[in-house]
Protein backbone atom coordinates (compact mmCIF):
# COMPACT_ATOMS: atom_id res chain seq x y z
CA UNK A 1 34.35 14.94 -2.91
CA UNK A 2 31.50 17.27 -3.92
CA UNK A 3 29.63 14.48 -5.72
CA UNK A 4 29.80 12.17 -2.72
CA UNK A 5 28.54 14.92 -0.39
CA UNK A 6 25.68 15.72 -2.79
CA UNK A 7 24.61 12.06 -2.99
CA UNK A 8 24.84 11.67 0.78
CA UNK A 9 22.70 14.78 1.31
CA UNK A 10 20.05 13.45 -1.07
CA UNK A 11 19.99 10.06 0.66
CA UNK A 12 19.56 11.57 4.11
CA UNK A 13 16.73 13.82 2.87
CA UNK A 14 14.97 10.85 1.29
CA UNK A 15 15.30 8.64 4.37
CA UNK A 16 14.14 11.37 6.73
CA UNK A 17 10.80 11.67 4.88
CA UNK A 18 9.94 7.97 4.71
CA UNK A 19 6.73 7.19 6.57
CA UNK A 20 4.52 4.13 6.54
CA UNK A 21 1.61 4.85 4.21
CA UNK A 22 -0.63 2.78 6.48
CA UNK A 23 0.09 3.84 10.07
CA UNK A 24 2.29 6.89 9.42
CA UNK A 25 5.19 5.73 11.58
CA UNK A 26 8.62 6.99 10.58
CA UNK A 27 10.78 4.49 8.72
CA UNK A 28 14.31 5.27 9.82
CA UNK A 29 15.94 2.78 7.46
CA UNK A 30 15.08 0.67 4.43
CA UNK A 31 14.99 -2.57 6.44
CA UNK A 32 11.70 -1.42 7.99
CA UNK A 33 10.06 -0.69 4.63
CA UNK A 34 7.93 -3.23 2.75
CA UNK A 35 6.17 -2.77 -0.59
CA UNK A 36 2.61 -4.08 -0.49
CA UNK A 37 0.89 -5.78 -3.41
CA UNK A 38 -0.85 -2.50 -4.27
CA UNK A 39 2.51 -0.71 -4.39
CA UNK A 40 2.33 1.26 -1.14
CA UNK A 41 5.31 1.54 1.19
CA UNK A 42 4.28 0.14 4.57
CA UNK A 43 6.31 -0.71 7.66
CA UNK A 44 7.28 -4.24 8.58
CA UNK A 45 4.86 -4.07 11.53
CA UNK A 46 1.86 -3.26 9.29
CA UNK A 47 2.54 -5.35 6.20
CA UNK A 48 0.74 -8.56 7.25
CA UNK A 49 -2.39 -6.80 8.50
CA UNK A 50 -2.36 -4.45 5.50
CA UNK A 51 -2.10 -7.35 3.04
CA UNK A 52 -4.89 -9.26 4.83
CA UNK A 53 -7.12 -6.18 4.55
CA UNK A 54 -6.35 -5.93 0.82
CA UNK A 55 -7.50 -9.55 0.38
CA UNK A 56 -10.71 -8.85 2.34
CA UNK A 57 -11.40 -5.73 0.29
CA UNK A 58 -10.82 -7.62 -2.95
CA UNK A 59 -13.25 -10.38 -1.91
CA UNK A 60 -15.86 -7.81 -0.85
CA UNK A 61 -15.51 -5.99 -4.16
CA UNK A 62 -15.88 -9.24 -6.08
CA UNK A 63 -19.04 -10.06 -4.11
CA UNK A 64 -20.45 -6.60 -4.81
CA UNK A 65 -19.75 -7.00 -8.52
CA UNK A 66 -21.48 -10.40 -8.56
CA UNK A 67 -24.49 -8.95 -6.75
CA UNK A 68 -24.64 -6.00 -9.16
CA UNK A 69 -24.45 -8.35 -12.15
CA UNK A 70 -27.26 -10.50 -10.75
CA UNK A 71 -29.40 -7.41 -10.17
CA UNK A 72 -28.71 -6.18 -13.69
CA UNK A 73 -29.72 -9.57 -15.10
CA UNK A 74 -32.98 -9.51 -13.13
CA UNK A 75 -33.70 -5.95 -14.31
CA UNK A 76 -33.08 -6.95 -17.93
CA UNK A 77 -35.56 -9.85 -17.66
CA UNK A 78 -38.33 -7.60 -16.35
C-alpha cells in the first residue's frame, strides 16, 4: 500500500508541472504532450507550427553558413 501511494504521489506531482515549452500552456495529461524533433515537450496544438518553425530556422541557418563560406572564400582570394 505505501509503495502504490508513493508512486501515485510522484505521478501527480510530475503531471501537475508539465507545461508546453513553446506556449507555456498546462498539459493536464500525456495525450496532449508531443516531443518535437529537437526534443522539447510541446502541446498538440503547437507541434505543427513549432516543427515548421524549426524547418525554417534550419534553412535560414544553412543559408547563413553558405553565405559565410562564400565570404570567407572571397576574403582568402584577396
